[in-house]
């Protein structure tokens, strides 16, 4: 008889455990996705890099985005001067990535500028980049490379 009495208790415990586990959900993971580098049509001008950062289990700061295929990179944010109404770009040393939130680096907002992008990304159609965060996590990302009009890169354009 004892085994019959334990079955309802075990069933109830199992159901409660399953409910608890499903309500917790997965722990958010720090990641970078949807990365695209748009090449400048003028080689001496910077290209623009856009992506989304998804916050992990704790708040962190994005400190740097770099690439072996670019001479220099800078994080910028677009703003409007309240006095003049002029659109401005301000360099950013770091960007807060709150836990579990999506931060967009997009046209007209936060973005990374890359100077001196070499021919390798044009040939491969992708560029390798490294994201460095304040918790010392480094995320390597292969981003799609496109021309300003959204087409695939043409290395011949870079030779002119």
Protein backbone atom coordinates (compact mmCIF):
# COMPACT_ATOMS: atom_id res chain seq x y z
CA UNK A 1 0.00 0.00 0.00
CA UNK A 2 2.79 2.35 0.71
CA UNK A 3 3.81 2.48 -2.98
CA UNK A 4 0.27 3.56 -3.97
CA UNK A 5 0.41 6.50 -1.55
CA UNK A 6 3.74 7.72 -2.94
CA UNK A 7 2.58 7.80 -6.58
CA UNK A 8 0.27 10.85 -6.16
CA UNK A 9 2.99 12.68 -4.23
CA UNK A 10 5.58 11.89 -6.90
CA UNK A 11 3.20 12.91 -9.68
CA UNK A 12 2.47 16.22 -7.96
CA UNK A 13 6.18 16.83 -7.36
CA UNK A 14 6.98 16.02 -11.02
CA UNK A 15 4.27 18.40 -12.28
CA UNK A 16 5.45 21.20 -9.96
CA UNK A 17 9.06 20.72 -11.10
CA UNK A 18 8.06 20.83 -14.79
CA UNK A 19 6.03 24.00 -14.21
CA UNK A 20 8.92 25.64 -12.35
CA UNK A 21 11.45 24.79 -15.08
CA UNK A 22 9.26 26.05 -17.92
CA UNK A 23 8.55 29.34 -16.13
CA UNK A 24 12.25 30.09 -15.71
CA UNK A 25 13.03 29.94 -19.43
CA UNK A 26 16.52 29.88 -20.85
CA UNK A 27 19.21 32.15 -19.45
CA UNK A 28 19.90 34.96 -21.93
CA UNK A 29 23.20 34.61 -23.78
CA UNK A 30 25.37 37.52 -24.93
CA UNK A 31 25.51 37.37 -28.73
CA UNK A 32 25.90 39.45 -31.88
CA UNK A 33 23.72 38.79 -34.92
CA UNK A 34 22.46 40.32 -38.17
CA UNK A 35 25.86 41.90 -38.90
CA UNK A 36 26.34 43.68 -42.24
CA UNK A 37 29.19 45.90 -43.46
CA UNK A 38 28.15 48.43 -46.10
CA UNK A 39 31.16 49.51 -48.13
CA UNK A 40 31.72 53.17 -48.87
CA UNK A 41 31.86 53.92 -52.62
CA UNK A 42 34.88 56.14 -51.89
CA UNK A 43 37.86 54.17 -50.53
CA UNK A 44 39.12 57.07 -48.38
CA UNK A 45 35.73 57.35 -46.62
CA UNK A 46 34.70 54.97 -43.84
CA UNK A 47 32.35 52.05 -44.42
CA UNK A 48 29.45 51.51 -42.02
CA UNK A 49 28.92 48.40 -39.92
CA UNK A 50 25.49 47.53 -38.49
CA UNK A 51 24.45 44.65 -36.21
CA UNK A 52 22.36 43.73 -33.19
CA UNK A 53 23.77 42.85 -29.76
CA UNK A 54 21.63 40.66 -27.50
CA UNK A 55 22.35 41.06 -23.78
CA UNK A 56 23.37 38.08 -21.68
CA UNK A 57 22.71 37.19 -18.04
CA UNK A 58 24.28 40.43 -16.70
CA UNK A 59 24.71 44.00 -17.92
CA UNK A 60 27.96 44.56 -19.84
CA UNK A 61 29.52 47.26 -21.97
CA UNK A 62 30.60 46.81 -25.57
CA UNK A 63 34.09 48.30 -25.53
CA UNK A 64 35.45 47.71 -29.03
CA UNK A 65 34.71 46.28 -32.44
CA UNK A 66 37.77 45.48 -34.54
CA UNK A 67 38.77 43.61 -37.68
CA UNK A 68 42.08 42.47 -39.15
CA UNK A 69 40.66 43.63 -42.51
CA UNK A 70 40.25 47.28 -41.45
CA UNK A 71 42.86 49.88 -40.51
CA UNK A 72 40.67 51.63 -37.92
CA UNK A 73 37.23 51.30 -36.36
CA UNK A 74 35.14 53.66 -34.22
CA UNK A 75 31.74 53.34 -32.55
CA UNK A 76 29.46 56.33 -33.18
CA UNK A 77 25.94 57.44 -32.35
CA UNK A 78 23.86 59.78 -34.48
CA UNK A 79 22.11 62.62 -32.71
CA UNK A 80 20.45 65.95 -33.40
CA UNK A 81 21.83 69.19 -31.98
CA UNK A 82 18.91 70.68 -30.01
CA UNK A 83 19.97 74.25 -30.78
CA UNK A 84 20.64 74.00 -34.51
CA UNK A 85 18.75 70.85 -35.52
CA UNK A 86 21.90 69.63 -37.28
CA UNK A 87 22.55 65.91 -37.38
CA UNK A 88 25.76 65.04 -35.56
CA UNK A 89 27.85 61.93 -35.01
CA UNK A 90 29.45 61.43 -31.65
CA UNK A 91 32.18 58.85 -30.96
CA UNK A 92 31.35 56.38 -28.17
CA UNK A 93 33.97 54.71 -25.96
CA UNK A 94 31.50 52.10 -24.73
CA UNK A 95 27.87 51.07 -25.11
CA UNK A 96 25.76 49.58 -22.32
CA UNK A 97 24.23 46.21 -23.24
CA UNK A 98 21.56 45.54 -20.58
CA UNK A 99 20.85 41.96 -19.55
CA UNK A 100 18.36 40.25 -21.87
CA UNK A 101 17.86 43.31 -24.11
CA UNK A 102 18.55 43.88 -27.81
CA UNK A 103 20.66 46.92 -28.73
CA UNK A 104 20.55 47.85 -32.40
CA UNK A 105 23.44 49.35 -34.31
CA UNK A 106 21.56 50.60 -37.36
CA UNK A 107 21.46 53.29 -40.03
CA UNK A 108 20.58 56.62 -38.43
CA UNK A 109 21.61 55.45 -34.95
CA UNK A 110 24.48 53.64 -33.28
CA UNK A 111 26.96 52.17 -35.77
CA UNK A 112 30.62 51.32 -36.26
CA UNK A 113 32.68 53.11 -38.87
CA UNK A 114 35.52 51.17 -40.54
CA UNK A 115 38.35 52.85 -42.39
CA UNK A 116 40.67 51.16 -44.87
CA UNK A 117 38.72 47.94 -45.47
CA UNK A 118 41.00 45.78 -47.63
CA UNK A 119 40.13 43.63 -50.68
CA UNK A 120 39.68 40.36 -48.76
CA UNK A 121 36.10 41.17 -47.61
CA UNK A 122 35.19 42.15 -51.18
CA UNK A 123 36.51 38.85 -52.53
CA UNK A 124 34.90 36.72 -49.80
CA UNK A 125 31.68 38.71 -49.40
CA UNK A 126 32.23 38.64 -45.63
CA UNK A 127 34.42 40.25 -43.01
CA UNK A 128 35.69 38.84 -39.73
CA UNK A 129 35.17 41.09 -36.72
CA UNK A 130 35.81 40.81 -33.00
CA UNK A 131 33.57 42.30 -30.31
CA UNK A 132 35.17 42.98 -26.91
CA UNK A 133 32.95 43.37 -23.83
CA UNK A 134 33.64 44.67 -20.31
CA UNK A 135 33.39 41.14 -18.85
CA UNK A 136 36.41 40.21 -21.06
CA UNK A 137 34.20 38.15 -23.36
CA UNK A 138 35.21 38.26 -26.99
CA UNK A 139 32.76 37.31 -29.72
CA UNK A 140 33.99 36.61 -33.24
CA UNK A 141 31.50 37.42 -36.00
CA UNK A 142 31.58 36.91 -39.76
CA UNK A 143 29.49 39.71 -41.25
CA UNK A 144 28.04 39.93 -44.73
CA UNK A 145 29.67 42.60 -46.92
CA UNK A 146 27.59 44.63 -49.37
CA UNK A 147 27.90 47.66 -51.60
CA UNK A 148 25.97 50.81 -50.68
CA UNK A 149 23.05 49.71 -52.92
CA UNK A 150 22.82 46.32 -51.13
CA UNK A 151 24.44 44.30 -53.93
CA UNK A 152 27.33 41.86 -53.52
CA UNK A 153 30.77 43.51 -53.39
CA UNK A 154 32.77 44.01 -56.56
CA UNK A 155 36.50 44.00 -55.95
CA UNK A 156 37.07 45.73 -59.32
CA UNK A 157 35.40 48.87 -57.92
CA UNK A 158 38.05 49.03 -55.20
CA UNK A 159 40.88 48.96 -57.75
CA UNK A 160 39.83 52.18 -59.50
